[in-house]
Amino acid sequence: MISLKIKLKHFGIPASKLNGANQEIQLPSDATIQQLIDVISNKAGYSESDMLKYATFLVNKSYAKNDTVLNDGDEVLILYTIGGG
């Protein structure tokens, strides 16, 4: 199986609970943002994985939906909603 490696950056409260703000993750080829969310959720606790539902994702500095296909070397930025109201 061919795999790809992405650079993951995330900002916000859970970043410290997800092995730091910057990391590399290996995924299967043609993986999507949703598959990345699943991988992160499996490593995180409930509250952190629940927050991913409301996060904004950027791939190479462009807005990405959950069905966006990732490519080897992509940089994925996760921005968490910090407050509301």
C-alpha atoms as a PDB file:
ATOM      1  CA  MET A   1       0.000   0.000   0.000  1.00  0.00           C
ATOM      2  CA  ILE A   2       1.350   3.407  -0.963  1.00  0.00           C
ATOM      3  CA  SER A   3       1.252   5.916   1.841  1.00  0.00           C
ATOM      4  CA  LEU A   4       1.679   9.642   2.207  1.00  0.00           C
ATOM      5  CA  LYS A   5       3.152  11.807   4.917  1.00  0.00           C
ATOM      6  CA  ILE A   6       1.589  15.118   5.861  1.00  0.00           C
ATOM      7  CA  LYS A   7       2.741  17.912   8.138  1.00  0.00           C
ATOM      8  CA  LEU A   8       0.109  18.640  10.768  1.00  0.00           C
ATOM      9  CA  LYS A   9      -0.083  21.889  12.696  1.00  0.00           C
ATOM     10  CA  HIS A  10      -2.822  22.779  15.113  1.00  0.00           C
ATOM     11  CA  PHE A  11      -3.538  25.789  17.252  1.00  0.00           C
ATOM     12  CA  GLY A  12      -5.833  26.149  20.201  1.00  0.00           C
ATOM     13  CA  ILE A  13      -6.405  24.593  23.584  1.00  0.00           C
ATOM     14  CA  PRO A  14      -6.142  20.898  22.581  1.00  0.00           C
ATOM     15  CA  ALA A  15      -2.827  21.309  20.738  1.00  0.00           C
ATOM     16  CA  SER A  16      -0.874  20.512  23.888  1.00  0.00           C
ATOM     17  CA  LYS A  17      -2.910  17.333  24.367  1.00  0.00           C
ATOM     18  CA  LEU A  18      -2.309  16.080  20.818  1.00  0.00           C
ATOM     19  CA  ASN A  19       1.474  15.583  21.042  1.00  0.00           C
ATOM     20  CA  GLY A  20       2.325  19.239  20.474  1.00  0.00           C
ATOM     21  CA  ALA A  21       1.395  21.780  17.862  1.00  0.00           C
ATOM     22  CA  ASN A  22       3.505  20.355  15.020  1.00  0.00           C
ATOM     23  CA  GLN A  23       3.851  16.752  13.904  1.00  0.00           C
ATOM     24  CA  GLU A  24       4.047  14.466  10.887  1.00  0.00           C
ATOM     25  CA  ILE A  25       1.405  11.825  10.284  1.00  0.00           C
ATOM     26  CA  GLN A  26       1.508   8.954   7.847  1.00  0.00           C
ATOM     27  CA  LEU A  27      -1.755   8.101   6.090  1.00  0.00           C
ATOM     28  CA  PRO A  28      -2.834   5.782   3.262  1.00  0.00           C
ATOM     29  CA  SER A  29      -2.670   7.239  -0.233  1.00  0.00           C
ATOM     30  CA  ASP A  30      -5.773   9.199  -1.249  1.00  0.00           C
ATOM     31  CA  ALA A  31      -6.606   9.855   2.417  1.00  0.00           C
ATOM     32  CA  THR A  32      -9.076  12.655   3.124  1.00  0.00           C
ATOM     33  CA  ILE A  33      -9.420  15.214   5.884  1.00  0.00           C
ATOM     34  CA  GLN A  34     -12.099  12.960   7.420  1.00  0.00           C
ATOM     35  CA  GLN A  35      -9.638  10.060   7.566  1.00  0.00           C
ATOM     36  CA  LEU A  36      -7.109  12.371   9.210  1.00  0.00           C
ATOM     37  CA  ILE A  37      -9.757  13.361  11.768  1.00  0.00           C
ATOM     38  CA  ASP A  38     -10.379   9.662  12.472  1.00  0.00           C
ATOM     39  CA  VAL A  39      -6.653   9.010  13.035  1.00  0.00           C
ATOM     40  CA  ILE A  40      -6.306  12.006  15.355  1.00  0.00           C
ATOM     41  CA  SER A  41      -9.497  11.102  17.217  1.00  0.00           C
ATOM     42  CA  ASN A  42      -8.211   7.594  17.897  1.00  0.00           C
ATOM     43  CA  LYS A  43      -5.109   9.089  19.548  1.00  0.00           C
ATOM     44  CA  ALA A  44      -6.931  11.822  21.485  1.00  0.00           C
ATOM     45  CA  GLY A  45      -9.275  11.798  24.419  1.00  0.00           C
ATOM     46  CA  TYR A  46     -13.008  12.308  23.999  1.00  0.00           C
ATOM     47  CA  SER A  47     -13.082  16.062  24.573  1.00  0.00           C
ATOM     48  CA  GLU A  48     -10.277  16.701  22.074  1.00  0.00           C
ATOM     49  CA  SER A  49     -11.770  14.475  19.373  1.00  0.00           C
ATOM     50  CA  ASP A  50     -15.181  16.081  19.899  1.00  0.00           C
ATOM     51  CA  MET A  51     -13.629  19.502  19.246  1.00  0.00           C
ATOM     52  CA  LEU A  52     -12.417  18.311  15.830  1.00  0.00           C
ATOM     53  CA  LYS A  53     -16.046  18.339  14.663  1.00  0.00           C
ATOM     54  CA  TYR A  54     -16.026  22.127  14.961  1.00  0.00           C
ATOM     55  CA  ALA A  55     -12.485  22.819  13.736  1.00  0.00           C
ATOM     56  CA  THR A  56     -11.561  24.543  10.497  1.00  0.00           C
ATOM     57  CA  PHE A  57      -9.033  22.789   8.258  1.00  0.00           C
ATOM     58  CA  LEU A  58      -6.594  24.420   5.853  1.00  0.00           C
ATOM     59  CA  VAL A  59      -4.511  22.400   3.396  1.00  0.00           C
ATOM     60  CA  ASN A  60      -1.504  24.311   2.094  1.00  0.00           C
ATOM     61  CA  LYS A  61      -3.142  27.517   3.379  1.00  0.00           C
ATOM     62  CA  SER A  62      -6.448  26.937   1.548  1.00  0.00           C
ATOM     63  CA  TYR A  63      -9.782  26.068   3.192  1.00  0.00           C
ATOM     64  CA  ALA A  64     -10.506  22.327   3.033  1.00  0.00           C
ATOM     65  CA  LYS A  65     -13.684  20.313   3.536  1.00  0.00           C
ATOM     66  CA  ASN A  66     -13.782  16.840   5.088  1.00  0.00           C
ATOM     67  CA  ASP A  67     -13.776  15.176   1.656  1.00  0.00           C
ATOM     68  CA  THR A  68     -10.602  16.992   0.507  1.00  0.00           C
ATOM     69  CA  VAL A  69      -8.028  14.443  -0.680  1.00  0.00           C
ATOM     70  CA  LEU A  70      -4.557  14.863   0.801  1.00  0.00           C
ATOM     71  CA  ASN A  71      -1.271  14.538  -1.066  1.00  0.00           C
ATOM     72  CA  ASP A  72       2.200  13.589   0.098  1.00  0.00           C
ATOM     73  CA  GLY A  73       3.905  16.559   1.739  1.00  0.00           C
ATOM     74  CA  ASP A  74       0.727  18.582   2.314  1.00  0.00           C
ATOM     75  CA  GLU A  75       0.634  20.898   5.289  1.00  0.00           C
ATOM     76  CA  VAL A  76      -2.638  20.648   7.217  1.00  0.00           C
ATOM     77  CA  LEU A  77      -3.507  23.347   9.704  1.00  0.00           C
ATOM     78  CA  ILE A  78      -6.279  22.776  12.239  1.00  0.00           C
ATOM     79  CA  LEU A  79      -7.852  25.886  13.738  1.00  0.00           C
ATOM     80  CA  TYR A  80     -10.063  25.296  16.746  1.00  0.00           C
ATOM     81  CA  THR A  81     -12.971  27.524  17.651  1.00  0.00           C
ATOM     82  CA  ILE A  82     -11.898  29.129  20.897  1.00  0.00           C
ATOM     83  CA  GLY A  83     -15.052  30.948  21.883  1.00  0.00           C
ATOM     84  CA  GLY A  84     -18.460  31.812  20.688  1.00  0.00           C
ATOM     85  CA  GLY A  85     -21.391  33.733  21.467  1.00  0.00           C
END
